[in-house]
Amino acid sequence: MKSVLFLMLMMIVLLSGCQNNSMTIDTDADYDIVVYGGTSAGVIAAAQAARMGKTVVLVCPEKHLGGMSSGGLGFSDTGKTASIGGLSREFYHRIYQFYQNDQAWRWQKRDQFGNRGQGTAAIDVDNRTMWAFEPHAAEAVFESLVNEYQIPVFRDQWLDRDHGVKKNRGRIVSIRMLSGQTFTGMMFIDATYEGDLMASAGVDYHVGREANSVYGETWNGVQTGVLHHAHYFKKNVDPYIIPGESASGLLPRISKEPPGVKGQGDNRIQAYCFRMCLTDHRENRIPFPKPTGYDPSQYELLVRLFDTGWNEVFAKFDQIPNCKTDTNNHGPFSTDNIGMNYDYPEASYERRREIIAEHEAYQKGLMYFIANDPRVPDPIRSKMSQWGLAGDEFMDNGNWPYQLYIREARRMVGEYMMTERDCLGKKQTPNPVGMGSYTMDSHHVQRYVKEDGYVQNEGDIGINPSRPYHIAYGALTPKKGQADNLLVPVCISSSHIAYGSIRMEPVFMILGQSAAAAACLAIEDEVPVQNVDYSKLKKQLTHDGQILTIN
């Protein structure tokens, strides 16, 4: 009798072990894979799933696909292009093909554009890729992908973040939208910039900068005293409404809070902005409009900066085809709306819309101010008045970008944590599913008053990896038991400073493809995503052209 009981107990233990390494597949699910988020990573993930023969649906809050890649960020942050493979490289190949059509050059001849780029040629003829492009060109490529693979897309669908994620035994069963529409699947991919599905599913995550002590890093946390590139006040600028009188109060957009101690963690996040598509081509130029509620006092600090002789307003008007720009932040007071986004990652949809609207009003007001206010030095004001919004971009949104640049929001705390040590090659990163190579780049996080009574920015930093580095598969998966059929290719498991390099659009597309491939294999082998056979995943990714290492 005792031997029978012993055998029964052993069977229970063995079965329990099997349950930890496999899972029951819901064959009645509407789709094999549900992708939430219409970012570049989301579209690429859906395409990969379809290529591997799985049924897939793309569900997204966006009306326009592509996220930042079609939202104004057309001067690509490539890093080392040799590390970009698979469907990510195919996207840039399709961009190249788009511009082979003479009709794509409406406002400019191809040879007039030349071959501008950021550390690499914009047009790589030998490899048939193009790394600088207009927003509508990128959107056309993303739309061509979902059409080619006949992927159903449900747009303007917002996850019910409070009650919309149904789980059973550590697995997501379905997600319900605020519209009431529900999507069931075997696997789920959160491709949002915010990590909303991940958070609603109860997965661990972090918001803000970790202290250096948390992961043994050097460049995380508060960066007081670090003055990087050209984005700080190089000369003394008074922060007070009445210069020299602290009792008069601070000018707008300067924090009264102390900045913190260097290397210390905080809950602040790097600044957001819109990557505007501007043009100085008269036939296509829309003059900067005066926004509703325009308040020139918001830009008094910029006037004082001009008074020091600063004149670098046009330094990041990066050229893309057809006499247009991808316009990014440059200097101590620019398009980055420093310190105005701290509550965005966790905010309600309503509050997020308020934050987005405030960023839009700030940035539209800034451009109008520089082009029109008599206090702006005439050489700058007269030049800015020759620029405006591109009339043939974002045409159903007043020529303004659809997507605010969410440089960083939530970041998962998953099976593996990417840190600066991975990016700098100071450790061996396990089970790579892609590579990154861009500078560990954080924009400013706060604007504060120094002890000497003058204004300064804090948080901007750029540390360059010496070579492309590996990104671990475990950084895409939640901890075991939290969500065993979810992959997260955008808000990956990473420290703040490592994410500063990983957060580039080419890398998001790389990770979107790898996440989808892993989801397909998890279905085929009936295992949690954490237990996908890496040898099989590596074989699949290599077959699909993904770059997993560079010798």
Protein backbone atom coordinates (compact mmCIF):
# COMPACT_ATOMS: atom_id res chain seq x y z
CA MET A 1 0.00 0.00 0.00
CA LYS A 2 2.82 2.38 0.88
CA SER A 3 4.50 1.65 -2.46
CA VAL A 4 1.26 2.48 -4.31
CA LEU A 5 0.92 5.80 -2.43
CA PHE A 6 4.56 6.56 -3.18
CA LEU A 7 4.01 5.94 -6.90
CA MET A 8 0.89 8.13 -6.86
CA LEU A 9 2.80 10.95 -5.18
CA MET A 10 5.62 10.62 -7.73
CA MET A 11 3.08 10.86 -10.56
CA ILE A 12 1.64 14.04 -9.07
CA VAL A 13 5.12 15.56 -8.81
CA LEU A 14 5.96 14.59 -12.39
CA LEU A 15 2.69 15.96 -13.70
CA SER A 16 3.23 19.18 -11.79
CA GLY A 17 6.65 19.50 -13.39
CA CYS A 18 5.15 18.97 -16.84
CA GLN A 19 2.56 21.63 -16.21
CA ASN A 20 5.34 24.11 -15.38
CA ASN A 21 6.98 23.50 -18.76
CA SER A 22 3.96 23.21 -21.01
CA MET A 23 0.55 24.71 -21.30
CA THR A 24 -2.92 23.99 -22.56
CA ILE A 25 -3.54 25.63 -25.92
CA ASP A 26 -6.98 27.17 -26.43
CA THR A 27 -7.79 25.88 -29.89
CA ASP A 28 -11.08 27.82 -29.85
CA ALA A 29 -9.28 31.16 -29.69
CA ASP A 30 -10.15 33.66 -32.39
CA TYR A 31 -6.50 34.03 -33.37
CA ASP A 32 -3.21 32.30 -32.81
CA ILE A 33 -1.56 35.62 -32.01
CA VAL A 34 -3.06 38.95 -30.93
CA VAL A 35 -0.77 41.96 -31.39
CA TYR A 36 -1.76 45.07 -29.44
CA GLY A 37 -0.20 48.29 -30.69
CA GLY A 38 0.13 49.75 -34.18
CA THR A 39 3.77 50.82 -33.78
CA SER A 40 6.50 49.73 -36.19
CA ALA A 41 7.16 46.76 -33.88
CA GLY A 42 3.48 45.82 -33.93
CA VAL A 43 3.22 45.78 -37.71
CA ILE A 44 6.44 43.81 -38.10
CA ALA A 45 5.37 41.31 -35.42
CA ALA A 46 2.07 40.73 -37.21
CA ALA A 47 3.84 40.25 -40.54
CA GLN A 48 6.25 37.71 -39.05
CA ALA A 49 3.40 35.73 -37.49
CA ALA A 50 1.59 35.63 -40.83
CA ARG A 51 4.78 34.56 -42.62
CA MET A 52 5.05 31.64 -40.21
CA GLY A 53 1.52 30.54 -41.07
CA LYS A 54 -0.27 31.68 -37.93
CA THR A 55 -3.55 33.55 -37.75
CA VAL A 56 -2.87 37.01 -36.39
CA VAL A 57 -4.77 40.22 -35.70
CA LEU A 58 -3.40 43.72 -35.16
CA VAL A 59 -5.44 45.68 -32.60
CA CYS A 60 -4.38 49.26 -31.98
CA PRO A 61 -5.38 52.62 -30.56
CA GLU A 62 -3.77 54.24 -33.60
CA LYS A 63 -5.60 55.14 -36.78
CA HIS A 64 -2.30 55.39 -38.67
CA LEU A 65 0.20 52.53 -38.53
CA GLY A 66 3.90 52.79 -37.83
CA GLY A 67 4.26 54.80 -34.63
CA MET A 68 7.25 57.12 -34.72
CA SER A 69 8.60 55.62 -37.95
CA SER A 70 5.63 57.10 -39.80
CA GLY A 71 5.13 59.87 -37.25
CA GLY A 72 7.98 62.17 -38.23
CA LEU A 73 11.09 60.21 -37.25
CA GLY A 74 12.34 59.77 -40.79
CA PHE A 75 16.04 60.53 -40.19
CA SER A 76 16.69 57.07 -38.82
CA ASP A 77 18.65 56.43 -35.63
CA THR A 78 20.37 53.44 -37.18
CA GLY A 79 23.59 53.05 -35.25
CA LYS A 80 25.55 50.39 -37.14
CA THR A 81 23.37 49.32 -40.08
CA ALA A 82 25.19 45.99 -40.31
CA SER A 83 23.38 44.95 -37.11
CA ILE A 84 19.94 45.50 -38.69
CA GLY A 85 18.48 42.46 -40.42
CA GLY A 86 15.29 40.57 -41.08
CA LEU A 87 12.03 42.42 -41.56
CA SER A 88 13.53 45.57 -40.09
CA ARG A 89 16.03 45.73 -42.95
CA GLU A 90 13.25 44.78 -45.36
CA PHE A 91 11.32 47.86 -44.22
CA TYR A 92 14.26 50.07 -45.21
CA HIS A 93 14.59 48.15 -48.47
CA ARG A 94 10.95 48.86 -49.24
CA ILE A 95 11.60 52.53 -48.48
CA TYR A 96 14.41 52.36 -51.04
CA GLN A 97 12.01 50.87 -53.58
CA PHE A 98 9.43 53.57 -52.83
CA TYR A 99 11.92 56.27 -53.82
CA GLN A 100 12.97 54.48 -57.00
CA ASN A 101 9.70 55.76 -58.44
CA ASP A 102 10.26 59.18 -60.02
CA GLN A 103 6.76 60.20 -58.90
CA ALA A 104 7.92 59.98 -55.27
CA TRP A 105 10.15 63.03 -55.89
CA ARG A 106 7.41 65.64 -56.07
CA TRP A 107 9.17 68.72 -54.67
CA GLN A 108 12.78 67.86 -55.32
CA LYS A 109 14.85 65.89 -57.81
CA ARG A 110 16.59 62.81 -56.50
CA ASP A 111 20.06 64.17 -57.24
CA GLN A 112 19.22 67.40 -55.39
CA PHE A 113 18.63 65.42 -52.21
CA GLY A 114 22.03 63.80 -52.46
CA ASN A 115 23.02 61.23 -49.88
CA ARG A 116 22.70 62.77 -46.45
CA GLY A 117 22.67 60.61 -43.36
CA GLN A 118 23.44 60.22 -39.67
CA GLY A 119 26.69 58.31 -39.49
CA THR A 120 25.71 56.41 -42.62
CA ALA A 121 24.60 57.24 -46.13
CA ALA A 122 20.88 57.98 -46.39
CA ILE A 123 20.73 55.92 -49.57
CA ASP A 124 22.76 52.71 -49.59
CA VAL A 125 22.68 51.74 -53.26
CA ASP A 126 24.83 48.63 -52.81
CA ASN A 127 22.48 47.15 -50.21
CA ARG A 128 19.34 48.73 -51.68
CA THR A 129 18.26 50.36 -48.43
CA MET A 130 17.27 53.92 -47.59
CA TRP A 131 17.46 55.38 -44.10
CA ALA A 132 15.89 58.84 -44.57
CA PHE A 133 12.27 59.13 -45.65
CA GLU A 134 9.03 61.09 -45.42
CA PRO A 135 6.26 60.13 -42.98
CA HIS A 136 3.77 59.22 -45.71
CA ALA A 137 6.35 56.95 -47.36
CA ALA A 138 6.82 54.97 -44.15
CA GLU A 139 3.08 54.69 -43.60
CA ALA A 140 2.65 53.40 -47.16
CA VAL A 141 5.22 50.67 -46.48
CA PHE A 142 3.51 49.58 -43.26
CA GLU A 143 0.13 49.51 -44.99
CA SER A 144 1.63 47.45 -47.80
CA LEU A 145 2.83 44.88 -45.26
CA VAL A 146 -0.56 44.37 -43.62
CA ASN A 147 -2.24 44.24 -47.03
CA GLU A 148 0.29 41.81 -48.48
CA TYR A 149 -0.12 39.40 -45.59
CA GLN A 150 -3.89 40.03 -45.34
CA ILE A 151 -3.63 40.93 -41.66
CA PRO A 152 -6.91 42.14 -40.15
CA VAL A 153 -6.39 45.51 -38.45
CA PHE A 154 -8.75 46.96 -35.86
CA ARG A 155 -7.95 50.66 -35.43
CA ASP A 156 -9.00 53.18 -32.80
CA GLN A 157 -9.39 50.32 -30.32
CA TRP A 158 -8.34 51.16 -26.77
CA LEU A 159 -7.64 48.47 -24.19
CA ASP A 160 -9.87 48.53 -21.12
CA ARG A 161 -6.90 48.88 -18.81
CA ASP A 162 -8.91 48.33 -15.61
CA HIS A 163 -10.96 45.25 -16.44
CA GLY A 164 -10.17 44.25 -20.02
CA VAL A 165 -7.51 41.59 -19.55
CA LYS A 166 -8.86 38.14 -18.73
CA LYS A 167 -6.35 35.66 -17.37
CA ASN A 168 -6.44 32.03 -16.34
CA ARG A 169 -3.59 30.23 -14.53
CA GLY A 170 -1.00 32.82 -15.45
CA ARG A 171 -2.05 33.10 -19.08
CA ILE A 172 -3.94 35.84 -20.91
CA VAL A 173 -7.14 34.44 -22.37
CA SER A 174 -8.58 37.55 -23.97
CA ILE A 175 -8.36 41.34 -24.10
CA ARG A 176 -11.41 43.60 -24.23
CA MET A 177 -11.44 47.09 -25.66
CA LEU A 178 -13.36 50.11 -24.37
CA SER A 179 -15.59 49.61 -27.42
CA GLY A 180 -16.62 46.25 -25.96
CA GLN A 181 -14.89 44.24 -28.68
CA THR A 182 -12.99 41.26 -27.33
CA PHE A 183 -10.06 39.38 -28.88
CA THR A 184 -9.05 35.91 -27.75
CA GLY A 185 -5.72 34.38 -28.65
CA MET A 186 -3.18 31.71 -27.85
CA MET A 187 -0.38 34.28 -27.67
CA PHE A 188 -0.30 38.04 -27.11
CA ILE A 189 2.28 40.68 -28.01
CA ASP A 190 2.32 44.13 -26.38
CA ALA A 191 3.83 46.43 -29.01
CA THR A 192 2.72 49.73 -27.44
CA TYR A 193 5.13 52.47 -26.41
CA GLU A 194 3.41 52.61 -23.02
CA GLY A 195 3.26 48.91 -22.10
CA ASP A 196 -0.45 49.09 -21.36
CA LEU A 197 -1.24 45.41 -22.00
CA MET A 198 1.80 44.31 -20.01
CA ALA A 199 0.78 46.44 -17.03
CA SER A 200 -2.88 45.45 -17.18
CA ALA A 201 -1.84 41.79 -17.23
CA GLY A 202 -0.10 42.20 -13.86
CA VAL A 203 3.46 42.01 -15.16
CA ASP A 204 6.20 43.68 -13.13
CA TYR A 205 7.57 46.93 -14.54
CA HIS A 206 9.43 50.09 -13.59
CA VAL A 207 8.99 53.79 -14.37
CA GLY A 208 11.85 56.26 -13.97
CA ARG A 209 15.58 56.04 -13.49
CA GLU A 210 17.12 53.37 -11.31
CA ALA A 211 19.97 54.22 -8.96
CA ASN A 212 23.35 53.06 -10.23
CA SER A 213 23.53 50.72 -7.26
CA VAL A 214 20.53 48.66 -8.40
CA TYR A 215 22.24 46.95 -11.35
CA GLY A 216 25.85 47.93 -10.81
CA GLU A 217 25.80 50.69 -13.43
CA THR A 218 27.67 53.97 -13.88
CA TRP A 219 25.42 56.07 -16.12
CA ASN A 220 21.94 55.53 -14.68
CA GLY A 221 20.11 57.76 -12.23
CA VAL A 222 20.39 61.53 -11.78
CA GLN A 223 23.12 63.10 -13.93
CA THR A 224 23.81 66.43 -12.22
CA GLY A 225 27.15 67.82 -13.31
CA VAL A 226 27.16 65.85 -16.58
CA LEU A 227 27.07 68.35 -19.46
CA HIS A 228 26.69 66.43 -22.71
CA HIS A 229 26.75 67.61 -26.31
CA ALA A 230 25.06 71.02 -26.82
CA HIS A 231 21.87 70.64 -24.83
CA TYR A 232 22.77 72.57 -21.69
CA PHE A 233 23.08 76.22 -20.71
CA LYS A 234 26.70 77.06 -21.47
CA LYS A 235 26.40 80.58 -20.10
CA ASN A 236 24.65 81.88 -16.99
CA VAL A 237 20.93 82.49 -17.53
CA ASP A 238 18.75 83.97 -14.79
CA PRO A 239 15.67 81.79 -14.01
CA TYR A 240 13.57 84.35 -12.11
CA ILE A 241 10.63 86.38 -13.43
CA ILE A 242 12.39 89.52 -12.23
CA PRO A 243 16.08 88.84 -12.84
CA GLY A 244 18.02 88.49 -9.62
CA GLU A 245 14.92 88.39 -7.41
CA SER A 246 14.08 84.86 -6.31
CA ALA A 247 10.96 86.13 -4.52
CA SER A 248 9.44 87.02 -7.90
CA GLY A 249 9.14 83.33 -8.74
CA LEU A 250 10.55 81.14 -11.47
CA LEU A 251 9.98 81.48 -15.20
CA PRO A 252 7.74 78.83 -16.79
CA ARG A 253 9.11 75.31 -17.25
CA ILE A 254 11.71 75.50 -14.50
CA SER A 255 11.31 73.16 -11.54
CA LYS A 256 11.48 74.47 -7.99
CA GLU A 257 12.44 70.98 -6.75
CA PRO A 258 16.07 70.03 -6.01
CA PRO A 259 17.51 67.84 -8.77
CA GLY A 260 18.71 65.00 -6.59
CA VAL A 261 22.11 63.43 -6.05
CA LYS A 262 24.16 62.14 -8.96
CA GLY A 263 23.57 58.43 -9.48
CA GLN A 264 20.44 58.43 -7.33
CA GLY A 265 17.23 56.93 -8.68
CA ASP A 266 14.02 58.88 -9.21
CA ASN A 267 10.61 58.57 -10.90
CA ARG A 268 11.32 61.16 -13.58
CA ILE A 269 11.47 60.28 -17.28
CA GLN A 270 13.22 61.83 -20.25
CA ALA A 271 11.43 64.54 -22.21
CA TYR A 272 8.99 63.99 -25.07
CA CYS A 273 8.49 66.04 -28.22
CA PHE A 274 6.90 65.84 -31.66
CA ARG A 275 9.27 65.12 -34.53
CA MET A 276 7.88 67.78 -36.86
CA CYS A 277 8.02 67.43 -40.63
CA LEU A 278 8.87 70.94 -41.84
CA THR A 279 9.57 72.42 -45.26
CA ASP A 280 10.89 75.64 -46.74
CA HIS A 281 9.48 74.78 -50.18
CA ARG A 282 7.07 77.62 -50.82
CA GLU A 283 4.49 75.56 -52.74
CA ASN A 284 4.19 73.02 -49.94
CA ARG A 285 4.77 75.22 -46.88
CA ILE A 286 2.01 75.93 -44.34
CA PRO A 287 3.07 78.93 -42.19
CA PHE A 288 3.28 78.14 -38.49
CA PRO A 289 -0.19 78.79 -37.06
CA LYS A 290 -0.74 80.80 -33.90
CA PRO A 291 -2.11 78.15 -31.52
CA THR A 292 -5.20 78.66 -29.41
CA GLY A 293 -4.22 80.08 -26.01
CA TYR A 294 -0.81 81.16 -27.25
CA ASP A 295 1.22 82.65 -24.39
CA PRO A 296 4.57 84.21 -25.34
CA SER A 297 5.65 84.32 -21.70
CA GLN A 298 6.21 80.54 -21.91
CA TYR A 299 9.29 81.30 -24.00
CA GLU A 300 10.89 84.05 -21.91
CA LEU A 301 13.73 81.69 -20.98
CA LEU A 302 14.49 81.27 -24.68
CA VAL A 303 14.73 85.06 -25.08
CA ARG A 304 17.31 85.15 -22.30
CA LEU A 305 19.18 82.31 -23.98
CA PHE A 306 19.25 84.29 -27.24
CA ASP A 307 20.63 87.23 -25.27
CA THR A 308 23.72 85.14 -24.43
CA GLY A 309 24.46 84.81 -28.14
CA TRP A 310 23.11 81.28 -28.61
CA ASN A 311 21.98 80.76 -32.23
CA GLU A 312 21.72 76.99 -32.90
CA VAL A 313 17.96 76.85 -33.59
CA PHE A 314 18.34 75.08 -36.93
CA ALA A 315 20.98 72.51 -35.97
CA LYS A 316 18.56 69.53 -36.02
CA PHE A 317 16.55 70.31 -39.12
CA ASP A 318 17.69 66.98 -40.56
CA GLN A 319 16.98 66.67 -44.26
CA ILE A 320 14.65 64.02 -45.65
CA PRO A 321 13.42 63.85 -49.26
CA ASN A 322 11.38 66.54 -50.97
CA CYS A 323 12.79 69.60 -49.19
CA LYS A 324 11.51 68.40 -45.82
CA THR A 325 12.98 67.81 -42.39
CA ASP A 326 12.77 65.49 -39.47
CA THR A 327 13.07 68.25 -36.87
CA ASN A 328 14.35 67.18 -33.48
CA ASN A 329 15.29 68.88 -30.23
CA HIS A 330 18.59 70.76 -30.11
CA GLY A 331 20.03 72.99 -27.43
CA PRO A 332 19.06 73.97 -23.88
CA PHE A 333 15.59 75.27 -24.83
CA SER A 334 14.00 73.56 -27.81
CA THR A 335 11.20 71.19 -28.81
CA ASP A 336 11.70 68.85 -25.83
CA ASN A 337 9.06 69.76 -23.26
CA ILE A 338 11.28 69.06 -20.27
CA GLY A 339 9.61 67.94 -17.04
CA MET A 340 6.04 67.98 -18.34
CA ASN A 341 5.53 64.23 -18.86
CA TYR A 342 6.26 62.54 -15.55
CA ASP A 343 2.77 61.14 -15.00
CA TYR A 344 2.20 60.07 -18.63
CA PRO A 345 3.14 56.35 -18.33
CA GLU A 346 0.60 55.59 -15.60
CA ALA A 347 -1.98 58.23 -16.55
CA SER A 348 -5.54 57.56 -17.67
CA TYR A 349 -6.33 57.96 -21.36
CA GLU A 350 -7.98 61.28 -20.59
CA ARG A 351 -4.94 62.57 -18.71
CA ARG A 352 -2.62 61.35 -21.46
CA ARG A 353 -4.66 63.29 -24.02
CA GLU A 354 -4.20 66.39 -21.85
CA ILE A 355 -0.45 65.84 -21.71
CA ILE A 356 -0.27 65.32 -25.47
CA ALA A 357 -2.33 68.46 -26.07
CA GLU A 358 -0.06 70.47 -23.77
CA HIS A 359 3.00 69.24 -25.64
CA GLU A 360 1.39 70.18 -28.94
CA ALA A 361 0.45 73.65 -27.70
CA TYR A 362 3.95 74.20 -26.31
CA GLN A 363 5.68 73.15 -29.51
CA LYS A 364 3.34 74.96 -31.90
CA GLY A 365 3.69 78.05 -29.75
CA LEU A 366 7.47 77.72 -29.80
CA MET A 367 7.61 77.65 -33.59
CA TYR A 368 5.20 80.57 -33.89
CA PHE A 369 7.20 82.50 -31.31
CA ILE A 370 10.53 82.04 -33.08
CA ALA A 371 9.03 82.97 -36.45
CA ASN A 372 7.14 86.06 -35.25
CA ASP A 373 8.20 87.54 -31.91
CA PRO A 374 10.28 90.75 -32.29
CA ARG A 375 12.45 89.75 -29.31
CA VAL A 376 13.90 86.89 -31.38
CA PRO A 377 17.11 88.00 -33.14
CA ASP A 378 16.25 89.03 -36.67
CA PRO A 379 18.55 86.54 -38.48
CA ILE A 380 16.81 83.67 -36.64
CA ARG A 381 13.29 85.10 -36.89
CA SER A 382 13.52 85.86 -40.60
CA LYS A 383 14.94 82.42 -41.38
CA MET A 384 12.29 80.63 -39.31
CA SER A 385 9.52 82.53 -41.09
CA GLN A 386 10.64 80.81 -44.29
CA TRP A 387 9.82 77.42 -42.76
CA GLY A 388 6.46 75.84 -42.02
CA LEU A 389 4.55 72.59 -41.75
CA ALA A 390 4.68 70.29 -44.79
CA GLY A 391 1.31 70.60 -46.49
CA ASP A 392 1.28 67.04 -47.84
CA GLU A 393 2.00 65.29 -44.51
CA PHE A 394 -0.44 64.37 -41.72
CA MET A 395 -3.17 65.87 -43.87
CA ASP A 396 -6.07 64.74 -41.66
CA ASN A 397 -4.41 66.18 -38.54
CA GLY A 398 -3.70 69.78 -39.52
CA ASN A 399 -0.27 68.72 -40.88
CA TRP A 400 0.83 67.93 -37.32
CA PRO A 401 2.39 64.51 -36.42
CA TYR A 402 -0.02 61.86 -35.17
CA GLN A 403 2.41 60.43 -32.64
CA LEU A 404 4.05 62.12 -29.67
CA TYR A 405 7.58 60.80 -29.24
CA ILE A 406 7.23 58.60 -26.16
CA ARG A 407 10.95 58.09 -25.67
CA GLU A 408 10.39 56.06 -22.53
CA ALA A 409 7.41 55.03 -20.41
CA ARG A 410 7.05 51.75 -18.52
CA ARG A 411 9.83 49.19 -18.78
CA MET A 412 9.19 45.57 -17.93
CA VAL A 413 11.08 43.78 -15.17
CA GLY A 414 11.23 40.41 -16.85
CA GLU A 415 13.18 37.17 -17.00
CA TYR A 416 16.37 39.02 -17.98
CA MET A 417 17.30 42.64 -17.32
CA MET A 418 19.30 44.48 -20.00
CA THR A 419 21.72 46.95 -18.40
CA GLU A 420 24.58 49.16 -19.52
CA ARG A 421 26.88 46.21 -18.88
CA ASP A 422 25.21 44.38 -21.80
CA CYS A 423 25.40 47.44 -24.04
CA LEU A 424 29.06 48.09 -23.24
CA GLY A 425 30.12 44.47 -23.69
CA LYS A 426 31.05 44.00 -20.04
CA LYS A 427 29.14 40.71 -19.76
CA GLN A 428 27.97 37.90 -22.00
CA THR A 429 24.31 38.38 -22.90
CA PRO A 430 22.45 35.06 -23.17
CA ASN A 431 20.23 33.86 -26.01
CA PRO A 432 20.37 36.88 -28.34
CA VAL A 433 17.36 37.63 -30.55
CA GLY A 434 18.68 40.82 -32.11
CA MET A 435 21.31 43.51 -31.78
CA GLY A 436 21.50 47.16 -30.82
CA SER A 437 24.29 49.62 -31.50
CA TYR A 438 23.06 53.17 -30.96
CA THR A 439 24.46 55.46 -28.27
CA MET A 440 22.96 55.01 -24.79
CA ASP A 441 21.03 58.23 -25.17
CA SER A 442 18.79 59.97 -22.66
CA HIS A 443 17.28 63.38 -23.31
CA HIS A 444 16.95 65.85 -20.48
CA VAL A 445 14.75 64.90 -17.57
CA GLN A 446 14.47 68.15 -15.61
CA ARG A 447 15.30 71.86 -15.67
CA TYR A 448 16.29 73.23 -12.27
CA VAL A 449 18.03 76.08 -10.45
CA LYS A 450 21.63 75.45 -9.43
CA GLU A 451 23.07 76.49 -6.10
CA ASP A 452 24.60 79.56 -7.77
CA GLY A 453 21.11 80.75 -8.72
CA TYR A 454 21.29 80.07 -12.47
CA VAL A 455 19.25 77.65 -14.56
CA GLN A 456 20.50 74.30 -15.85
CA ASN A 457 19.16 71.15 -17.48
CA GLU A 458 19.78 67.63 -16.20
CA GLY A 459 19.52 64.14 -17.64
CA ASP A 460 20.98 64.40 -21.15
CA ILE A 461 23.69 61.84 -21.66
CA GLY A 462 25.24 59.85 -24.49
CA ILE A 463 27.54 56.88 -23.99
CA ASN A 464 28.62 55.10 -27.13
CA PRO A 465 28.94 51.29 -27.21
CA SER A 466 32.19 50.34 -28.89
CA ARG A 467 30.41 47.79 -31.07
CA PRO A 468 26.95 46.27 -31.62
CA TYR A 469 25.68 44.32 -28.62
CA HIS A 470 23.28 41.43 -28.08
CA ILE A 471 19.71 41.75 -26.80
CA ALA A 472 18.57 38.77 -24.75
CA TYR A 473 15.41 36.81 -25.45
CA GLY A 474 14.64 36.87 -21.72
CA ALA A 475 14.27 40.66 -21.91
CA LEU A 476 11.13 40.13 -24.04
CA THR A 477 9.39 37.77 -21.61
CA PRO A 478 7.70 38.41 -18.25
CA LYS A 479 8.76 36.47 -15.22
CA LYS A 480 7.40 32.93 -15.19
CA GLY A 481 3.86 32.74 -13.90
CA GLN A 482 3.01 36.41 -14.51
CA ALA A 483 1.93 36.09 -18.14
CA ASP A 484 3.17 32.93 -19.81
CA ASN A 485 1.81 33.76 -23.26
CA LEU A 486 2.86 37.42 -23.52
CA LEU A 487 5.89 38.94 -25.25
CA VAL A 488 6.94 42.58 -24.95
CA PRO A 489 9.26 43.84 -27.74
CA VAL A 490 9.00 47.61 -27.05
CA CYS A 491 8.78 48.16 -23.28
CA ILE A 492 11.38 45.46 -22.79
CA SER A 493 13.07 44.47 -19.57
CA SER A 494 15.81 47.07 -19.40
CA SER A 495 17.33 49.67 -17.14
CA HIS A 496 16.78 53.32 -18.02
CA ILE A 497 20.23 53.90 -19.45
CA ALA A 498 20.34 50.66 -21.48
CA TYR A 499 16.90 51.50 -22.86
CA GLY A 500 18.40 54.77 -24.10
CA SER A 501 20.13 52.71 -26.79
CA ILE A 502 17.57 49.96 -27.30
CA ARG A 503 14.65 52.38 -27.85
CA MET A 504 15.42 53.02 -31.54
CA GLU A 505 12.85 52.24 -34.22
CA PRO A 506 15.04 49.79 -36.20
CA VAL A 507 15.60 47.82 -32.98
CA PHE A 508 11.89 47.83 -32.13
CA MET A 509 11.20 46.25 -35.52
CA ILE A 510 13.95 43.68 -34.93
CA LEU A 511 12.47 42.75 -31.56
CA GLY A 512 8.92 42.73 -32.93
CA GLN A 513 9.94 40.08 -35.45
CA SER A 514 11.79 38.01 -32.85
CA ALA A 515 8.87 38.19 -30.42
CA ALA A 516 6.45 36.95 -33.07
CA ALA A 517 8.75 34.11 -34.08
CA ALA A 518 8.98 33.03 -30.44
CA ALA A 519 5.20 33.22 -30.07
CA CYS A 520 4.77 30.93 -33.07
CA LEU A 521 7.21 28.38 -31.68
CA ALA A 522 5.54 28.52 -28.26
CA ILE A 523 2.25 27.60 -29.94
CA GLU A 524 3.79 24.77 -31.94
CA ASP A 525 5.55 23.27 -28.92
CA GLU A 526 2.75 24.10 -26.48
CA VAL A 527 5.08 25.77 -24.00
CA PRO A 528 5.12 29.08 -22.14
CA VAL A 529 7.10 31.81 -23.86
CA GLN A 530 9.71 31.55 -21.12
CA ASN A 531 10.38 27.92 -22.16
CA VAL A 532 10.74 28.35 -25.90
CA ASP A 533 13.59 26.20 -27.19
CA TYR A 534 16.24 28.79 -27.99
CA SER A 535 18.00 26.54 -30.49
CA LYS A 536 14.78 26.41 -32.53
CA LEU A 537 14.24 30.14 -32.17
CA LYS A 538 17.80 30.90 -33.26
CA LYS A 539 17.39 28.64 -36.30
CA GLN A 540 14.13 30.35 -37.26
CA LEU A 541 15.51 33.88 -36.84
CA THR A 542 18.67 33.05 -38.77
CA HIS A 543 16.55 31.61 -41.56
CA ASP A 544 14.54 34.83 -41.61
CA GLY A 545 17.62 37.02 -41.95
CA GLN A 546 17.84 38.31 -38.39
CA ILE A 547 21.34 39.40 -37.34
CA LEU A 548 22.16 37.73 -34.03
CA THR A 549 25.88 38.37 -33.86
CA ILE A 550 28.63 40.25 -35.69
CA ASN A 551 32.15 38.82 -35.67
